N, C-alpha and C. Protein backbone atom coordinates (compact mmCIF):
# COMPACT_ATOMS: atom_id res chain seq x y z
N UNK A 1 0.83 -1.18 0.00
CA UNK A 1 0.00 0.00 0.00
C UNK A 1 0.88 1.26 0.00
N UNK A 2 1.98 1.19 0.74
CA UNK A 2 2.89 2.34 0.79
C UNK A 2 3.48 2.61 -0.59
N UNK A 3 3.81 1.55 -1.34
CA UNK A 3 4.35 1.73 -2.69
C UNK A 3 3.34 2.46 -3.57
N UNK A 4 2.07 2.12 -3.42
CA UNK A 4 1.03 2.80 -4.19
C UNK A 4 0.95 4.28 -3.88
N UNK A 5 1.03 4.65 -2.60
CA UNK A 5 0.99 6.06 -2.22
C UNK A 5 2.24 6.79 -2.70
N UNK A 6 3.38 6.14 -2.60
CA UNK A 6 4.61 6.78 -3.09
C UNK A 6 4.55 6.97 -4.60
N UNK A 7 3.99 6.00 -5.31
CA UNK A 7 3.92 6.14 -6.76
C UNK A 7 2.95 7.24 -7.17
N UNK A 8 1.90 7.47 -6.37
CA UNK A 8 0.98 8.57 -6.67
C UNK A 8 1.65 9.92 -6.45
N UNK A 9 2.50 10.01 -5.45
CA UNK A 9 3.19 11.27 -5.17
C UNK A 9 4.39 11.47 -6.08
N UNK A 10 4.95 10.41 -6.61
CA UNK A 10 6.19 10.48 -7.38
C UNK A 10 6.11 11.37 -8.61
N UNK A 11 5.00 11.40 -9.37
CA UNK A 11 4.99 12.27 -10.55
C UNK A 11 5.18 13.75 -10.23
N UNK A 12 5.02 14.16 -8.96
CA UNK A 12 5.13 15.57 -8.60
C UNK A 12 6.48 15.93 -7.99
N UNK A 13 7.36 14.95 -7.84
CA UNK A 13 8.68 15.19 -7.25
C UNK A 13 9.74 15.29 -8.33
N UNK A 14 10.86 15.91 -7.98
CA UNK A 14 11.99 15.99 -8.89
C UNK A 14 13.23 15.55 -8.14
N UNK A 15 14.18 14.87 -8.70
CA UNK A 15 14.12 14.17 -9.98
C UNK A 15 13.31 12.89 -9.83
N UNK A 16 12.57 12.54 -10.84
CA UNK A 16 11.67 11.39 -10.72
C UNK A 16 12.37 10.06 -10.95
N UNK A 17 11.89 9.07 -10.27
CA UNK A 17 12.23 7.70 -10.62
C UNK A 17 11.24 7.34 -11.72
N UNK A 18 11.69 7.08 -12.93
CA UNK A 18 10.75 6.87 -14.04
C UNK A 18 9.80 5.70 -13.82
N UNK A 19 10.22 4.67 -13.10
CA UNK A 19 9.34 3.52 -12.88
C UNK A 19 8.22 3.87 -11.91
N UNK A 20 8.53 4.60 -10.86
CA UNK A 20 7.48 5.00 -9.92
C UNK A 20 6.56 6.05 -10.54
N UNK A 21 7.13 6.94 -11.34
CA UNK A 21 6.29 7.92 -12.03
C UNK A 21 5.35 7.22 -13.00
N UNK A 22 5.85 6.21 -13.72
CA UNK A 22 5.00 5.45 -14.64
C UNK A 22 3.90 4.73 -13.89
N UNK A 23 4.23 4.14 -12.75
CA UNK A 23 3.21 3.49 -11.93
C UNK A 23 2.16 4.49 -11.47
N UNK A 24 2.60 5.68 -11.10
CA UNK A 24 1.67 6.74 -10.69
C UNK A 24 0.73 7.12 -11.82
N UNK A 25 1.26 7.29 -13.03
CA UNK A 25 0.40 7.64 -14.17
C UNK A 25 -0.54 6.49 -14.53
N UNK A 26 -0.09 5.26 -14.36
CA UNK A 26 -0.99 4.12 -14.60
C UNK A 26 -2.12 4.11 -13.58
N UNK A 27 -1.81 4.41 -12.34
CA UNK A 27 -2.86 4.47 -11.32
C UNK A 27 -3.81 5.64 -11.60
N UNK A 28 -3.26 6.80 -11.97
CA UNK A 28 -4.12 7.93 -12.34
C UNK A 28 -5.03 7.58 -13.52
N UNK A 29 -4.50 6.88 -14.51
CA UNK A 29 -5.31 6.47 -15.66
C UNK A 29 -6.41 5.52 -15.27
N UNK A 30 -6.10 4.56 -14.40
CA UNK A 30 -7.12 3.62 -13.94
C UNK A 30 -8.20 4.35 -13.13
N UNK A 31 -7.80 5.29 -12.29
CA UNK A 31 -8.79 6.07 -11.53
C UNK A 31 -9.65 6.92 -12.46
N UNK A 32 -9.03 7.52 -13.47
CA UNK A 32 -9.80 8.32 -14.43
C UNK A 32 -10.77 7.44 -15.20
N UNK A 33 -10.34 6.23 -15.56
CA UNK A 33 -11.24 5.30 -16.24
C UNK A 33 -12.41 4.91 -15.36
N UNK A 34 -12.14 4.65 -14.08
CA UNK A 34 -13.21 4.32 -13.16
C UNK A 34 -14.18 5.48 -12.96
N UNK A 35 -13.65 6.69 -12.82
CA UNK A 35 -14.52 7.85 -12.67
C UNK A 35 -15.33 8.12 -13.94
N UNK A 36 -14.75 7.84 -15.09
CA UNK A 36 -15.49 8.07 -16.34
C UNK A 36 -16.67 7.11 -16.47
N UNK A 37 -16.57 5.96 -15.82
CA UNK A 37 -17.70 5.01 -15.84
C UNK A 37 -18.91 5.56 -15.10
N UNK A 38 -18.68 6.44 -14.14
CA UNK A 38 -19.80 7.06 -13.42
C UNK A 38 -20.56 8.03 -14.32
N UNK A 39 -19.83 8.72 -15.19
CA UNK A 39 -20.44 9.70 -16.07
C UNK A 39 -20.98 9.06 -17.35
N UNK A 40 -20.24 8.14 -17.91
CA UNK A 40 -20.59 7.51 -19.18
C UNK A 40 -20.40 6.00 -19.05
N UNK A 41 -21.40 5.27 -18.51
CA UNK A 41 -21.21 3.85 -18.22
C UNK A 41 -21.23 2.93 -19.44
N UNK A 42 -21.69 3.40 -20.59
CA UNK A 42 -21.79 2.54 -21.77
C UNK A 42 -20.64 2.83 -22.74
N UNK A 43 -20.30 1.82 -23.54
CA UNK A 43 -19.29 1.99 -24.59
C UNK A 43 -19.83 2.91 -25.67
N UNK A 44 -18.95 3.68 -26.28
CA UNK A 44 -19.32 4.54 -27.39
C UNK A 44 -19.10 3.86 -28.73
N UNK A 45 -18.33 2.79 -28.75
CA UNK A 45 -18.06 2.07 -29.98
C UNK A 45 -18.78 0.72 -29.94
N UNK A 46 -19.19 0.22 -31.10
CA UNK A 46 -19.85 -1.08 -31.14
C UNK A 46 -18.90 -2.21 -30.75
N UNK A 47 -19.47 -3.30 -30.31
CA UNK A 47 -18.67 -4.46 -29.88
C UNK A 47 -17.90 -5.05 -31.06
N UNK A 48 -16.84 -5.77 -30.73
CA UNK A 48 -16.05 -6.46 -31.75
C UNK A 48 -14.83 -5.68 -32.16
N UNK A 49 -14.55 -5.71 -33.45
CA UNK A 49 -13.35 -5.09 -34.01
C UNK A 49 -13.28 -3.59 -33.73
N UNK A 50 -14.39 -2.82 -33.89
CA UNK A 50 -14.27 -1.38 -33.60
C UNK A 50 -13.86 -1.09 -32.16
N UNK A 51 -14.35 -1.87 -31.21
CA UNK A 51 -13.99 -1.64 -29.81
C UNK A 51 -12.53 -1.99 -29.55
N UNK A 52 -12.05 -3.05 -30.16
CA UNK A 52 -10.63 -3.42 -30.02
C UNK A 52 -9.73 -2.38 -30.69
N UNK A 53 -10.16 -1.91 -31.85
CA UNK A 53 -9.37 -0.87 -32.53
C UNK A 53 -9.30 0.39 -31.68
N UNK A 54 -10.42 0.74 -31.04
CA UNK A 54 -10.44 1.89 -30.15
C UNK A 54 -9.48 1.69 -28.98
N UNK A 55 -9.45 0.49 -28.43
CA UNK A 55 -8.56 0.18 -27.31
C UNK A 55 -7.09 0.30 -27.71
N UNK A 56 -6.76 -0.05 -28.93
CA UNK A 56 -5.37 -0.01 -29.39
C UNK A 56 -4.96 1.36 -29.95
N UNK A 57 -5.85 2.00 -30.70
CA UNK A 57 -5.48 3.22 -31.41
C UNK A 57 -5.62 4.49 -30.58
N UNK A 58 -6.61 4.55 -29.71
CA UNK A 58 -6.81 5.78 -28.93
C UNK A 58 -5.62 6.10 -28.03
N UNK A 59 -5.08 5.13 -27.27
CA UNK A 59 -3.89 5.47 -26.47
C UNK A 59 -2.69 5.91 -27.33
N UNK A 60 -2.55 5.34 -28.51
CA UNK A 60 -1.47 5.78 -29.41
C UNK A 60 -1.69 7.23 -29.82
N UNK A 61 -2.93 7.58 -30.16
CA UNK A 61 -3.24 8.95 -30.56
C UNK A 61 -3.01 9.92 -29.41
N UNK A 62 -3.41 9.53 -28.21
CA UNK A 62 -3.20 10.39 -27.04
C UNK A 62 -1.71 10.56 -26.78
N UNK A 63 -0.94 9.48 -26.85
CA UNK A 63 0.51 9.58 -26.66
C UNK A 63 1.16 10.50 -27.66
N UNK A 64 0.75 10.40 -28.92
CA UNK A 64 1.30 11.28 -29.96
C UNK A 64 0.93 12.73 -29.70
N UNK A 65 -0.32 12.97 -29.30
CA UNK A 65 -0.75 14.35 -29.00
C UNK A 65 0.00 14.92 -27.80
N UNK A 66 0.20 14.10 -26.77
CA UNK A 66 0.92 14.59 -25.60
C UNK A 66 2.39 14.85 -25.94
N UNK A 67 2.98 14.00 -26.76
CA UNK A 67 4.35 14.23 -27.19
C UNK A 67 4.47 15.51 -28.01
N UNK A 68 3.49 15.75 -28.89
CA UNK A 68 3.49 16.98 -29.69
C UNK A 68 3.31 18.20 -28.80
N UNK A 69 2.45 18.08 -27.79
CA UNK A 69 2.24 19.20 -26.87
C UNK A 69 3.52 19.49 -26.08
N UNK A 70 4.22 18.43 -25.68
CA UNK A 70 5.49 18.63 -24.97
C UNK A 70 6.53 19.31 -25.84
N UNK A 71 6.61 18.90 -27.11
CA UNK A 71 7.55 19.54 -28.03
C UNK A 71 7.19 21.00 -28.25
N UNK A 72 5.91 21.29 -28.36
CA UNK A 72 5.45 22.67 -28.54
C UNK A 72 5.79 23.51 -27.32
N UNK A 73 5.56 22.95 -26.13
CA UNK A 73 5.89 23.69 -24.90
C UNK A 73 7.40 23.93 -24.79
N UNK A 74 8.20 22.92 -25.12
CA UNK A 74 9.65 23.07 -25.05
C UNK A 74 10.13 24.13 -26.04
N UNK A 75 9.54 24.15 -27.22
CA UNK A 75 9.93 25.13 -28.24
C UNK A 75 9.63 26.55 -27.79
N UNK A 76 8.53 26.71 -27.04
CA UNK A 76 8.15 28.03 -26.53
C UNK A 76 8.94 28.42 -25.29
N UNK A 77 9.68 27.47 -24.73
CA UNK A 77 10.44 27.75 -23.52
C UNK A 77 9.65 27.50 -22.24
N UNK A 78 8.46 26.93 -22.36
CA UNK A 78 7.65 26.61 -21.18
C UNK A 78 8.19 25.35 -20.53
N UNK A 79 7.81 25.15 -19.28
CA UNK A 79 8.22 23.93 -18.59
C UNK A 79 7.46 22.74 -19.17
N UNK A 80 8.16 21.64 -19.31
CA UNK A 80 7.57 20.43 -19.87
C UNK A 80 7.32 19.45 -18.73
N UNK A 81 6.10 18.97 -18.63
CA UNK A 81 5.74 18.00 -17.61
C UNK A 81 6.02 16.59 -18.11
N UNK A 82 6.09 15.65 -17.21
CA UNK A 82 6.31 14.26 -17.63
C UNK A 82 5.16 13.75 -18.49
N UNK A 83 3.94 14.18 -18.21
CA UNK A 83 2.78 13.73 -19.00
C UNK A 83 2.88 14.24 -20.44
N UNK A 84 3.76 15.21 -20.69
CA UNK A 84 3.95 15.75 -22.03
C UNK A 84 4.89 14.90 -22.88
N UNK A 85 5.14 13.70 -22.47
CA UNK A 85 5.95 12.76 -23.25
C UNK A 85 5.04 11.65 -23.75
N UNK A 86 5.42 11.08 -24.88
CA UNK A 86 4.60 10.02 -25.47
C UNK A 86 4.35 8.89 -24.49
N UNK A 87 5.40 8.41 -23.85
CA UNK A 87 5.28 7.20 -23.02
C UNK A 87 4.33 7.40 -21.85
N UNK A 88 4.42 8.51 -21.16
CA UNK A 88 3.53 8.73 -20.01
C UNK A 88 2.09 8.99 -20.46
N UNK A 89 1.93 9.76 -21.53
CA UNK A 89 0.58 9.99 -22.06
C UNK A 89 -0.06 8.71 -22.55
N UNK A 90 0.74 7.88 -23.24
CA UNK A 90 0.25 6.59 -23.72
C UNK A 90 -0.15 5.69 -22.55
N UNK A 91 0.69 5.62 -21.54
CA UNK A 91 0.41 4.76 -20.39
C UNK A 91 -0.85 5.20 -19.67
N UNK A 92 -1.01 6.50 -19.45
CA UNK A 92 -2.21 7.03 -18.81
C UNK A 92 -3.46 6.65 -19.61
N UNK A 93 -3.42 6.91 -20.93
CA UNK A 93 -4.58 6.63 -21.77
C UNK A 93 -4.85 5.13 -21.89
N UNK A 94 -3.80 4.32 -21.93
CA UNK A 94 -3.98 2.88 -22.04
C UNK A 94 -4.67 2.31 -20.80
N UNK A 95 -4.21 2.71 -19.61
CA UNK A 95 -4.85 2.18 -18.41
C UNK A 95 -6.29 2.68 -18.28
N UNK A 96 -6.55 3.91 -18.69
CA UNK A 96 -7.92 4.41 -18.68
C UNK A 96 -8.78 3.60 -19.64
N UNK A 97 -8.26 3.36 -20.85
CA UNK A 97 -9.01 2.60 -21.85
C UNK A 97 -9.22 1.15 -21.41
N UNK A 98 -8.24 0.56 -20.77
CA UNK A 98 -8.40 -0.83 -20.31
C UNK A 98 -9.48 -0.95 -19.25
N UNK A 99 -9.54 0.01 -18.34
CA UNK A 99 -10.61 -0.01 -17.32
C UNK A 99 -11.96 0.14 -18.00
N UNK A 100 -12.08 1.06 -18.93
CA UNK A 100 -13.36 1.26 -19.62
C UNK A 100 -13.71 0.03 -20.45
N UNK A 101 -12.72 -0.56 -21.11
CA UNK A 101 -12.96 -1.75 -21.95
C UNK A 101 -13.48 -2.90 -21.10
N UNK A 102 -12.91 -3.06 -19.93
CA UNK A 102 -13.26 -4.18 -19.06
C UNK A 102 -14.60 -3.99 -18.34
N UNK A 103 -14.89 -2.78 -17.89
CA UNK A 103 -16.01 -2.60 -16.98
C UNK A 103 -17.20 -1.83 -17.54
N UNK A 104 -17.09 -1.20 -18.72
CA UNK A 104 -18.24 -0.49 -19.28
C UNK A 104 -19.25 -1.52 -19.79
N UNK A 105 -20.48 -1.12 -19.78
CA UNK A 105 -21.56 -2.03 -20.22
C UNK A 105 -21.67 -2.10 -21.71
């Protein structure tokens, strides 16, 4: 349980341990997926291939968008957050999508 709390706090500390930060973003994604089930309990895509494609492609798209946003912020001289990297954005979106895929009606 202590590891879970440390991983949740880790994304806000510097310098980060990338493994604990990744675990923190995975937990945040799972929590966001669970909370989204309260607002939107049903799937938006039909069952079968479209739902699987959504599970695979949406986290990739989110990771690419977050990576692009991080590059844009860096180019402007703004501070870049860890979530502004492809890997952390992808991991957050993947865990959120997996929770929704598993538990949405």
